[in-house]
PDB file of N, CA and C in Angstrom:
ATOM      1  N   UNK A   1     -86.520  99.655 280.026  1.00  0.00           N
ATOM      2  CA  UNK A   1     -86.712 101.328 280.304  1.00  0.00           C
ATOM      3  C   UNK A   1     -87.668 102.060 280.521  1.00  0.00           C
ATOM      4  N   UNK A   2     -88.015 103.221 280.933  1.00  0.00           N
ATOM      5  CA  UNK A   2     -88.870 103.939 281.053  1.00  0.00           C
ATOM      6  C   UNK A   2     -88.649 105.146 281.250  1.00  0.00           C
ATOM      7  N   UNK A   3     -89.643 106.498 280.447  1.00  0.00           N
ATOM      8  CA  UNK A   3     -88.865 107.724 280.800  1.00  0.00           C
ATOM      9  C   UNK A   3     -91.333 108.250 281.059  1.00  0.00           C
ATOM     10  N   UNK A   4     -90.958 109.144 281.952  1.00  0.00           N
ATOM     11  CA  UNK A   4     -92.268 109.831 282.470  1.00  0.00           C
ATOM     12  C   UNK A   4     -91.191 111.491 282.048  1.00  0.00           C
ATOM     13  N   UNK A   5     -92.859 111.936 280.979  1.00  0.00           N
ATOM     14  CA  UNK A   5     -92.529 113.239 280.253  1.00  0.00           C
ATOM     15  C   UNK A   5     -93.670 113.951 280.988  1.00  0.00           C
ATOM     16  N   UNK A   6     -93.329 114.912 281.962  1.00  0.00           N
ATOM     17  CA  UNK A   6     -93.992 115.871 282.293  1.00  0.00           C
ATOM     18  C   UNK A   6     -93.998 117.353 281.670  1.00  0.00           C
ATOM     19  N   UNK A   7     -94.976 117.733 281.500  1.00  0.00           N
ATOM     20  CA  UNK A   7     -95.369 119.286 280.178  1.00  0.00           C
ATOM     21  C   UNK A   7     -96.611 120.145 281.013  1.00  0.00           C
ATOM     22  N   UNK A   8     -95.760 121.467 281.022  1.00  0.00           N
ATOM     23  CA  UNK A   8     -97.251 122.008 281.584  1.00  0.00           C
ATOM     24  C   UNK A   8     -96.484 123.251 281.435  1.00  0.00           C
ATOM     25  N   UNK A   9     -97.931 124.274 281.335  1.00  0.00           N
ATOM     26  CA  UNK A   9     -98.095 125.282 281.309  1.00  0.00           C
ATOM     27  C   UNK A   9     -98.113 125.968 282.607  1.00  0.00           C
ATOM     28  N   UNK A  10     -97.225 126.979 282.541  1.00  0.00           N
ATOM     29  CA  UNK A  10     -96.782 127.720 283.395  1.00  0.00           C
ATOM     30  C   UNK A  10     -97.863 128.931 284.199  1.00  0.00           C
ATOM     31  N   UNK A  11     -98.185 128.956 285.167  1.00  0.00           N
ATOM     32  CA  UNK A  11     -98.867 129.732 285.817  1.00  0.00           C
ATOM     33  C   UNK A  11     -97.720 130.713 286.548  1.00  0.00           C
ATOM     34  N   UNK A  12     -97.828 130.400 287.151  1.00  0.00           N
ATOM     35  CA  UNK A  12     -96.636 131.119 288.314  1.00  0.00           C
ATOM     36  C   UNK A  12     -95.135 130.786 288.883  1.00  0.00           C
ATOM     37  N   UNK A  13     -94.073 130.668 288.574  1.00  0.00           N
ATOM     38  CA  UNK A  13     -93.494 130.230 289.672  1.00  0.00           C
ATOM     39  C   UNK A  13     -92.439 131.420 290.676  1.00  0.00           C
ATOM     40  N   UNK A  14     -92.216 130.986 292.005  1.00  0.00           N
ATOM     41  CA  UNK A  14     -92.118 131.228 292.583  1.00  0.00           C
ATOM     42  C   UNK A  14     -90.744 130.961 293.458  1.00  0.00           C
ATOM     43  N   UNK A  15     -90.220 132.021 294.062  1.00  0.00           N
ATOM     44  CA  UNK A  15     -88.435 131.403 295.047  1.00  0.00           C
ATOM     45  C   UNK A  15     -89.051 129.350 295.249  1.00  0.00           C
ATOM     46  N   UNK A  16     -89.936 129.290 296.023  1.00  0.00           N
ATOM     47  CA  UNK A  16     -90.358 128.012 296.080  1.00  0.00           C
ATOM     48  C   UNK A  16     -90.234 127.118 295.338  1.00  0.00           C
ATOM     49  N   UNK A  17     -90.137 127.395 294.632  1.00  0.00           N
ATOM     50  CA  UNK A  17     -90.783 126.060 293.260  1.00  0.00           C
ATOM     51  C   UNK A  17     -89.410 125.981 292.687  1.00  0.00           C
ATOM     52  N   UNK A  18     -88.285 127.049 292.264  1.00  0.00           N
ATOM     53  CA  UNK A  18     -87.001 126.420 292.299  1.00  0.00           C
ATOM     54  C   UNK A  18     -86.723 125.476 293.259  1.00  0.00           C
ATOM     55  N   UNK A  19     -86.515 125.972 294.497  1.00  0.00           N
ATOM     56  CA  UNK A  19     -85.970 125.130 295.576  1.00  0.00           C
ATOM     57  C   UNK A  19     -86.708 123.586 295.765  1.00  0.00           C
ATOM     58  N   UNK A  20     -88.176 123.410 294.954  1.00  0.00           N
ATOM     59  CA  UNK A  20     -88.908 122.405 295.309  1.00  0.00           C
ATOM     60  C   UNK A  20     -88.638 121.720 293.839  1.00  0.00           C
ATOM     61  N   UNK A  21     -87.940 122.183 292.846  1.00  0.00           N
ATOM     62  CA  UNK A  21     -87.518 121.151 291.616  1.00  0.00           C
ATOM     63  C   UNK A  21     -86.511 120.640 291.817  1.00  0.00           C
ATOM     64  N   UNK A  22     -86.008 121.029 292.777  1.00  0.00           N
ATOM     65  CA  UNK A  22     -84.422 120.373 293.170  1.00  0.00           C
ATOM     66  C   UNK A  22     -83.983 119.440 293.893  1.00  0.00           C
ATOM     67  N   UNK A  23     -85.244 119.200 294.894  1.00  0.00           N
ATOM     68  CA  UNK A  23     -86.155 118.413 296.350  1.00  0.00           C
ATOM     69  C   UNK A  23     -85.982 117.444 295.230  1.00  0.00           C
ATOM     70  N   UNK A  24     -86.813 117.393 294.438  1.00  0.00           N
ATOM     71  CA  UNK A  24     -87.855 116.554 293.477  1.00  0.00           C
ATOM     72  C   UNK A  24     -87.359 115.989 292.567  1.00  0.00           C
ATOM     73  N   UNK A  25     -85.969 116.429 291.988  1.00  0.00           N
ATOM     74  CA  UNK A  25     -84.815 115.617 291.699  1.00  0.00           C
ATOM     75  C   UNK A  25     -83.892 115.157 292.609  1.00  0.00           C
ATOM     76  N   UNK A  26     -83.567 115.138 293.355  1.00  0.00           N
ATOM     77  CA  UNK A  26     -82.626 115.044 294.172  1.00  0.00           C
ATOM     78  C   UNK A  26     -83.514 113.465 294.467  1.00  0.00           C
ATOM     79  N   UNK A  27     -84.831 113.951 295.086  1.00  0.00           N
ATOM     80  CA  UNK A  27     -85.475 112.439 295.308  1.00  0.00           C
ATOM     81  C   UNK A  27     -85.480 111.352 294.525  1.00  0.00           C
ATOM     82  N   UNK A  28     -85.980 112.084 293.784  1.00  0.00           N
ATOM     83  CA  UNK A  28     -85.539 111.021 292.342  1.00  0.00           C
ATOM     84  C   UNK A  28     -84.628 110.481 291.987  1.00  0.00           C
ATOM     85  N   UNK A  29     -83.759 110.685 291.746  1.00  0.00           N
ATOM     86  CA  UNK A  29     -82.588 109.970 291.272  1.00  0.00           C
ATOM     87  C   UNK A  29     -81.940 109.178 292.984  1.00  0.00           C
ATOM     88  N   UNK A  30     -81.069 109.965 293.950  1.00  0.00           N
ATOM     89  CA  UNK A  30     -81.002 109.506 294.962  1.00  0.00           C
ATOM     90  C   UNK A  30     -82.108 108.567 295.801  1.00  0.00           C
ATOM     91  N   UNK A  31     -83.370 108.505 295.843  1.00  0.00           N
ATOM     92  CA  UNK A  31     -83.981 108.053 296.657  1.00  0.00           C
ATOM     93  C   UNK A  31     -84.913 106.680 295.991  1.00  0.00           C
ATOM     94  N   UNK A  32     -85.141 106.768 294.666  1.00  0.00           N
ATOM     95  CA  UNK A  32     -86.103 106.257 293.755  1.00  0.00           C
ATOM     96  C   UNK A  32     -85.378 105.420 292.522  1.00  0.00           C
ATOM     97  N   UNK A  33     -84.132 105.395 292.777  1.00  0.00           N
ATOM     98  CA  UNK A  33     -83.329 105.172 291.424  1.00  0.00           C
ATOM     99  C   UNK A  33     -83.483 105.418 290.238  1.00  0.00           C
ATOM    100  N   UNK A  34     -84.336 106.846 289.955  1.00  0.00           N
ATOM    101  CA  UNK A  34     -84.186 107.176 288.664  1.00  0.00           C
ATOM    102  C   UNK A  34     -82.722 107.297 287.795  1.00  0.00           C
ATOM    103  N   UNK A  35     -82.241 107.365 286.694  1.00  0.00           N
ATOM    104  CA  UNK A  35     -81.185 107.140 286.081  1.00  0.00           C
ATOM    105  C   UNK A  35     -80.780 108.748 285.696  1.00  0.00           C
ATOM    106  N   UNK A  36     -81.967 109.316 285.193  1.00  0.00           N
ATOM    107  CA  UNK A  36     -81.130 110.982 284.511  1.00  0.00           C
ATOM    108  C   UNK A  36     -82.416 111.536 284.510  1.00  0.00           C
ATOM    109  N   UNK A  37     -82.405 112.792 285.543  1.00  0.00           N
ATOM    110  CA  UNK A  37     -83.381 113.767 284.828  1.00  0.00           C
ATOM    111  C   UNK A  37     -83.407 115.293 284.380  1.00  0.00           C
ATOM    112  N   UNK A  38     -84.021 115.840 283.367  1.00  0.00           N
ATOM    113  CA  UNK A  38     -83.620 117.167 282.277  1.00  0.00           C
ATOM    114  C   UNK A  38     -85.136 117.666 282.666  1.00  0.00           C
ATOM    115  N   UNK A  39     -84.694 118.871 282.809  1.00  0.00           N
ATOM    116  CA  UNK A  39     -86.016 119.762 282.831  1.00  0.00           C
ATOM    117  C   UNK A  39     -85.626 121.115 281.959  1.00  0.00           C
ATOM    118  N   UNK A  40     -86.923 121.950 281.178  1.00  0.00           N
ATOM    119  CA  UNK A  40     -86.044 122.312 280.613  1.00  0.00           C
ATOM    120  C   UNK A  40     -86.975 124.054 280.312  1.00  0.00           C
ATOM    121  N   UNK A  41     -87.048 124.972 280.479  1.00  0.00           N
ATOM    122  CA  UNK A  41     -88.601 125.629 280.293  1.00  0.00           C
ATOM    123  C   UNK A  41     -87.542 127.119 279.807  1.00  0.00           C
ATOM    124  N   UNK A  42     -88.820 127.400 278.688  1.00  0.00           N
ATOM    125  CA  UNK A  42     -89.038 128.414 277.625  1.00  0.00           C
ATOM    126  C   UNK A  42     -90.557 129.099 277.328  1.00  0.00           C
ATOM    127  N   UNK A  43     -90.636 130.418 277.774  1.00  0.00           N
ATOM    128  CA  UNK A  43     -91.158 131.704 278.017  1.00  0.00           C
ATOM    129  C   UNK A  43     -92.082 130.509 279.231  1.00  0.00           C
ATOM    130  N   UNK A  44     -93.627 130.606 278.676  1.00  0.00           N
ATOM    131  CA  UNK A  44     -94.267 129.692 279.744  1.00  0.00           C
ATOM    132  C   UNK A  44     -94.568 127.995 279.601  1.00  0.00           C
ATOM    133  N   UNK A  45     -93.859 127.357 278.767  1.00  0.00           N
ATOM    134  CA  UNK A  45     -94.115 126.004 278.964  1.00  0.00           C
ATOM    135  C   UNK A  45     -92.907 125.679 279.516  1.00  0.00           C
ATOM    136  N   UNK A  46     -92.644 124.160 280.160  1.00  0.00           N
ATOM    137  CA  UNK A  46     -91.884 123.409 280.962  1.00  0.00           C
ATOM    138  C   UNK A  46     -92.201 122.055 280.245  1.00  0.00           C
ATOM    139  N   UNK A  47     -90.890 121.376 280.334  1.00  0.00           N
ATOM    140  CA  UNK A  47     -90.738 120.068 280.229  1.00  0.00           C
ATOM    141  C   UNK A  47     -89.677 119.571 280.922  1.00  0.00           C
ATOM    142  N   UNK A  48     -90.183 118.350 281.359  1.00  0.00           N
ATOM    143  CA  UNK A  48     -89.405 117.230 281.880  1.00  0.00           C
ATOM    144  C   UNK A  48     -89.229 115.834 281.826  1.00  0.00           C
ATOM    145  N   UNK A  49     -88.092 115.334 281.216  1.00  0.00           N
ATOM    146  CA  UNK A  49     -88.583 114.255 281.170  1.00  0.00           C
ATOM    147  C   UNK A  49     -87.207 113.239 282.113  1.00  0.00           C
ATOM    148  N   UNK A  50     -87.504 112.435 283.067  1.00  0.00           N
ATOM    149  CA  UNK A  50     -86.860 111.104 283.456  1.00  0.00           C
ATOM    150  C   UNK A  50     -86.818 109.828 283.138  1.00  0.00           C
ATOM    151  N   UNK A  51     -86.087 109.278 283.232  1.00  0.00           N
ATOM    152  CA  UNK A  51     -85.752 107.912 282.801  1.00  0.00           C
ATOM    153  C   UNK A  51     -85.373 106.318 284.440  1.00  0.00           C
ATOM    154  N   UNK A  52     -85.880 105.606 284.109  1.00  0.00           N
ATOM    155  CA  UNK A  52     -86.144 104.713 284.646  1.00  0.00           C
ATOM    156  C   UNK A  52     -86.080 103.605 284.723  1.00  0.00           C
ATOM    157  N   UNK A  53     -85.631 102.464 285.591  1.00  0.00           N
ATOM    158  CA  UNK A  53     -85.293 101.004 284.981  1.00  0.00           C
ATOM    159  C   UNK A  53     -86.884 100.389 285.484  1.00  0.00           C
ATOM    160  N   UNK A  54     -87.752 100.873 286.642  1.00  0.00           N
ATOM    161  CA  UNK A  54     -88.654 100.024 286.789  1.00  0.00           C
ATOM    162  C   UNK A  54     -89.467 100.902 286.713  1.00  0.00           C
ATOM    163  N   UNK A  55     -91.187 100.075 286.453  1.00  0.00           N
ATOM    164  CA  UNK A  55     -92.925 101.422 287.230  1.00  0.00           C
ATOM    165  C   UNK A  55     -92.164 101.393 288.119  1.00  0.00           C
ATOM    166  N   UNK A  56     -92.540 100.582 289.073  1.00  0.00           N
ATOM    167  CA  UNK A  56     -92.252 100.347 290.971  1.00  0.00           C
ATOM    168  C   UNK A  56     -91.740 101.520 291.119  1.00  0.00           C
ATOM    169  N   UNK A  57     -90.101 102.377 290.526  1.00  0.00           N
ATOM    170  CA  UNK A  57     -89.425 102.831 291.120  1.00  0.00           C
ATOM    171  C   UNK A  57     -90.237 104.139 290.946  1.00  0.00           C
ATOM    172  N   UNK A  58     -91.004 104.376 289.102  1.00  0.00           N
ATOM    173  CA  UNK A  58     -91.853 105.843 289.571  1.00  0.00           C
ATOM    174  C   UNK A  58     -93.206 105.659 290.094  1.00  0.00           C
ATOM    175  N   UNK A  59     -93.812 104.862 290.305  1.00  0.00           N
ATOM    176  CA  UNK A  59     -94.949 104.819 291.277  1.00  0.00           C
ATOM    177  C   UNK A  59     -94.808 105.269 292.864  1.00  0.00           C
ATOM    178  N   UNK A  60     -93.621 104.512 293.224  1.00  0.00           N
ATOM    179  CA  UNK A  60     -92.948 104.901 294.391  1.00  0.00           C
ATOM    180  C   UNK A  60     -92.967 106.530 294.776  1.00  0.00           C
ATOM    181  N   UNK A  61     -91.764 106.701 294.048  1.00  0.00           N
ATOM    182  CA  UNK A  61     -91.349 108.317 293.672  1.00  0.00           C
ATOM    183  C   UNK A  61     -92.855 109.286 293.612  1.00  0.00           C
ATOM    184  N   UNK A  62     -93.546 108.514 292.851  1.00  0.00           N
ATOM    185  CA  UNK A  62     -94.963 109.702 292.460  1.00  0.00           C
ATOM    186  C   UNK A  62     -95.710 109.622 294.180  1.00  0.00           C
ATOM    187  N   UNK A  63     -95.702 108.819 295.030  1.00  0.00           N
ATOM    188  CA  UNK A  63     -96.661 108.211 296.360  1.00  0.00           C
ATOM    189  C   UNK A  63     -95.505 109.316 296.979  1.00  0.00           C
ATOM    190  N   UNK A  64     -94.478 109.604 297.195  1.00  0.00           N
ATOM    191  CA  UNK A  64     -93.585 110.265 297.885  1.00  0.00           C
ATOM    192  C   UNK A  64     -94.524 111.042 298.800  1.00  0.00           C
ATOM    193  N   UNK A  65     -94.093 111.658 299.683  1.00  0.00           N
ATOM    194  CA  UNK A  65     -95.067 112.302 300.951  1.00  0.00           C
ATOM    195  C   UNK A  65     -94.784 114.071 300.516  1.00  0.00           C
ATOM    196  N   UNK A  66     -93.671 114.090 300.149  1.00  0.00           N
ATOM    197  CA  UNK A  66     -92.727 115.395 299.723  1.00  0.00           C
ATOM    198  C   UNK A  66     -92.916 116.065 298.462  1.00  0.00           C
ATOM    199  N   UNK A  67     -93.158 114.517 297.548  1.00  0.00           N
ATOM    200  CA  UNK A  67     -93.729 114.814 295.423  1.00  0.00           C
ATOM    201  C   UNK A  67     -95.055 115.177 296.085  1.00  0.00           C
ATOM    202  N   UNK A  68     -95.917 114.458 296.874  1.00  0.00           N
ATOM    203  CA  UNK A  68     -97.432 114.941 297.205  1.00  0.00           C
ATOM    204  C   UNK A  68     -97.553 116.708 297.210  1.00  0.00           C
ATOM    205  N   UNK A  69     -96.820 116.605 298.364  1.00  0.00           N
ATOM    206  CA  UNK A  69     -97.005 118.203 298.694  1.00  0.00           C
ATOM    207  C   UNK A  69     -96.198 119.404 297.297  1.00  0.00           C
ATOM    208  N   UNK A  70     -95.435 118.824 296.390  1.00  0.00           N
ATOM    209  CA  UNK A  70     -95.411 119.408 295.076  1.00  0.00           C
ATOM    210  C   UNK A  70     -96.281 119.329 294.313  1.00  0.00           C
ATOM    211  N   UNK A  71     -96.765 118.214 293.829  1.00  0.00           N
ATOM    212  CA  UNK A  71     -97.969 118.060 292.862  1.00  0.00           C
ATOM    213  C   UNK A  71     -98.917 118.991 293.069  1.00  0.00           C
ATOM    214  N   UNK A  72     -99.645 118.957 294.589  1.00  0.00           N
ATOM    215  CA  UNK A  72    -100.327 119.927 295.138  1.00  0.00           C
ATOM    216  C   UNK A  72    -100.429 121.574 294.740  1.00  0.00           C
ATOM    217  N   UNK A  73     -98.920 121.641 295.323  1.00  0.00           N
ATOM    218  CA  UNK A  73     -98.501 123.499 294.651  1.00  0.00           C
ATOM    219  C   UNK A  73     -98.269 123.631 293.526  1.00  0.00           C
ATOM    220  N   UNK A  74     -97.872 122.501 293.038  1.00  0.00           N
ATOM    221  CA  UNK A  74     -98.103 122.769 291.062  1.00  0.00           C
ATOM    222  C   UNK A  74     -99.423 122.899 291.109  1.00  0.00           C
ATOM    223  N   UNK A  75    -100.361 122.418 291.146  1.00  0.00           N
ATOM    224  CA  UNK A  75    -102.097 122.089 290.672  1.00  0.00           C
ATOM    225  C   UNK A  75    -102.263 123.768 291.316  1.00  0.00           C
ATOM    226  N   UNK A  76    -102.362 124.193 292.460  1.00  0.00           N
ATOM    227  CA  UNK A  76    -102.689 125.559 293.566  1.00  0.00           C
ATOM    228  C   UNK A  76    -101.979 126.404 293.043  1.00  0.00           C
ATOM    229  N   UNK A  77    -100.760 126.270 292.460  1.00  0.00           N
ATOM    230  CA  UNK A  77     -99.860 128.141 292.269  1.00  0.00           C
ATOM    231  C   UNK A  77     -99.168 127.610 290.937  1.00  0.00           C
ATOM    232  N   UNK A  78     -98.492 126.724 290.901  1.00  0.00           N
ATOM    233  CA  UNK A  78     -97.159 127.034 289.981  1.00  0.00           C
ATOM    234  C   UNK A  78     -97.707 126.979 288.079  1.00  0.00           C
ATOM    235  N   UNK A  79     -99.197 125.922 288.057  1.00  0.00           N
ATOM    236  CA  UNK A  79     -98.531 125.518 286.847  1.00  0.00           C
ATOM    237  C   UNK A  79    -100.024 126.106 285.691  1.00  0.00           C
ATOM    238  N   UNK A  80    -101.283 126.457 285.290  1.00  0.00           N
ATOM    239  CA  UNK A  80    -102.173 126.541 284.519  1.00  0.00           C
ATOM    240  C   UNK A  80    -102.484 124.775 284.315  1.00  0.00           C
ATOM    241  N   UNK A  81    -101.615 123.872 283.777  1.00  0.00           N
ATOM    242  CA  UNK A  81    -102.024 122.728 283.600  1.00  0.00           C
ATOM    243  C   UNK A  81    -100.931 122.048 282.953  1.00  0.00           C
ATOM    244  N   UNK A  82    -100.979 120.666 283.020  1.00  0.00           N
ATOM    245  CA  UNK A  82     -99.741 119.981 282.990  1.00  0.00           C
ATOM    246  C   UNK A  82    -100.618 118.555 282.357  1.00  0.00           C
ATOM    247  N   UNK A  83     -99.204 117.989 281.572  1.00  0.00           N
ATOM    248  CA  UNK A  83     -99.357 116.360 281.590  1.00  0.00           C
ATOM    249  C   UNK A  83     -98.290 115.558 281.946  1.00  0.00           C
ATOM    250  N   UNK A  84     -98.577 114.336 282.302  1.00  0.00           N
ATOM    251  CA  UNK A  84     -97.533 113.361 282.567  1.00  0.00           C
ATOM    252  C   UNK A  84     -98.313 111.997 281.152  1.00  0.00           C
ATOM    253  N   UNK A  85     -97.035 111.570 280.979  1.00  0.00           N
ATOM    254  CA  UNK A  85     -96.918 110.339 280.298  1.00  0.00           C
ATOM    255  C   UNK A  85     -95.868 109.433 280.562  1.00  0.00           C
ATOM    256  N   UNK A  86     -95.858 108.452 281.304  1.00  0.00           N
ATOM    257  CA  UNK A  86     -95.044 107.153 281.376  1.00  0.00           C
ATOM    258  C   UNK A  86     -95.026 106.385 280.360  1.00  0.00           C
ATOM    259  N   UNK A  87     -94.186 105.985 279.251  1.00  0.00           N
ATOM    260  CA  UNK A  87     -93.999 105.718 278.185  1.00  0.00           C
ATOM    261  C   UNK A  87     -92.535 104.786 278.438  1.00  0.00           C
ATOM    262  N   UNK A  88     -92.870 103.366 278.106  1.00  0.00           N
ATOM    263  CA  UNK A  88     -91.674 102.486 277.790  1.00  0.00           C
ATOM    264  C   UNK A  88     -90.557 102.567 276.488  1.00  0.00           C
ATOM    265  N   UNK A  89     -89.722 102.814 277.170  1.00  0.00           N
ATOM    266  CA  UNK A  89     -88.151 103.084 275.954  1.00  0.00           C
ATOM    267  C   UNK A  89     -88.517 101.441 275.384  1.00  0.00           C
ATOM    268  N   UNK A  90     -88.489 101.395 273.717  1.00  0.00           N
ATOM    269  CA  UNK A  90     -88.583 100.168 273.260  1.00  0.00           C
ATOM    270  C   UNK A  90     -87.398 100.149 272.462  1.00  0.00           C
ATOM    271  N   UNK A  91     -86.609 101.037 271.914  1.00  0.00           N
ATOM    272  CA  UNK A  91     -85.400 101.281 271.333  1.00  0.00           C
ATOM    273  C   UNK A  91     -84.343 102.739 271.851  1.00  0.00           C
ATOM    274  N   UNK A  92     -83.458 102.543 271.543  1.00  0.00           N
ATOM    275  CA  UNK A  92     -82.493 103.502 271.922  1.00  0.00           C
ATOM    276  C   UNK A  92     -80.959 103.544 271.054  1.00  0.00           C
ATOM    277  N   UNK A  93     -80.707 104.652 270.590  1.00  0.00           N
ATOM    278  CA  UNK A  93     -79.346 104.369 269.958  1.00  0.00           C
ATOM    279  C   UNK A  93     -78.791 106.069 269.755  1.00  0.00           C
ATOM    280  N   UNK A  94     -77.547 105.739 269.944  1.00  0.00           N
ATOM    281  CA  UNK A  94     -76.593 106.777 270.215  1.00  0.00           C
ATOM    282  C   UNK A  94     -76.067 107.557 269.017  1.00  0.00           C
ATOM    283  N   UNK A  95     -75.438 108.810 269.335  1.00  0.00           N
ATOM    284  CA  UNK A  95     -74.075 109.411 268.039  1.00  0.00           C
ATOM    285  C   UNK A  95     -73.526 110.176 269.116  1.00  0.00           C
ATOM    286  N   UNK A  96     -72.524 110.181 269.217  1.00  0.00           N
ATOM    287  CA  UNK A  96     -71.203 111.079 269.914  1.00  0.00           C
ATOM    288  C   UNK A  96     -70.014 111.373 269.013  1.00  0.00           C
ATOM    289  N   UNK A  97     -69.790 112.674 268.855  1.00  0.00           N
ATOM    290  CA  UNK A  97     -68.726 112.958 267.815  1.00  0.00           C
ATOM    291  C   UNK A  97     -67.427 112.834 268.873  1.00  0.00           C
ATOM    292  N   UNK A  98     -66.904 112.139 268.279  1.00  0.00           N
ATOM    293  CA  UNK A  98     -64.915 112.413 269.186  1.00  0.00           C
ATOM    294  C   UNK A  98     -64.035 113.338 268.604  1.00  0.00           C
ATOM    295  N   UNK A  99     -62.983 113.906 269.285  1.00  0.00           N
ATOM    296  CA  UNK A  99     -61.944 114.564 268.706  1.00  0.00           C
ATOM    297  C   UNK A  99     -61.200 113.150 268.270  1.00  0.00           C
ATOM    298  N   UNK A 100     -60.433 114.117 267.077  1.00  0.00           N
ATOM    299  CA  UNK A 100     -59.582 113.395 266.157  1.00  0.00           C
ATOM    300  C   UNK A 100     -58.284 114.391 266.188  1.00  0.00           C
ATOM    301  N   UNK A 101     -57.369 113.384 266.229  1.00  0.00           N
ATOM    302  CA  UNK A 101     -55.772 113.767 266.158  1.00  0.00           C
ATOM    303  C   UNK A 101     -54.854 113.994 267.630  1.00  0.00           C
TER     304      UNK A 101
END
């Protein structure tokens, strides 16, 4: 299992951004096999984490023509800076509270 961690300093977000972000999530999940995609914006910081079974899925998503347009808009308009990390998950564990009674 792999994760892509995207961290950015926001420059300016517009209406195109929201539509593009939704489309990138849809592409990742429905066309490239992304298992889970979560993003959060706080102040001028954004973080998005997506989870994948294969590195090849990540490479294909990154090279998608719509994703290439989103990357260019990110550099030219939406972000001051960003950092992408592709990491391999070596261990995972969970806790979930259950209701009793």
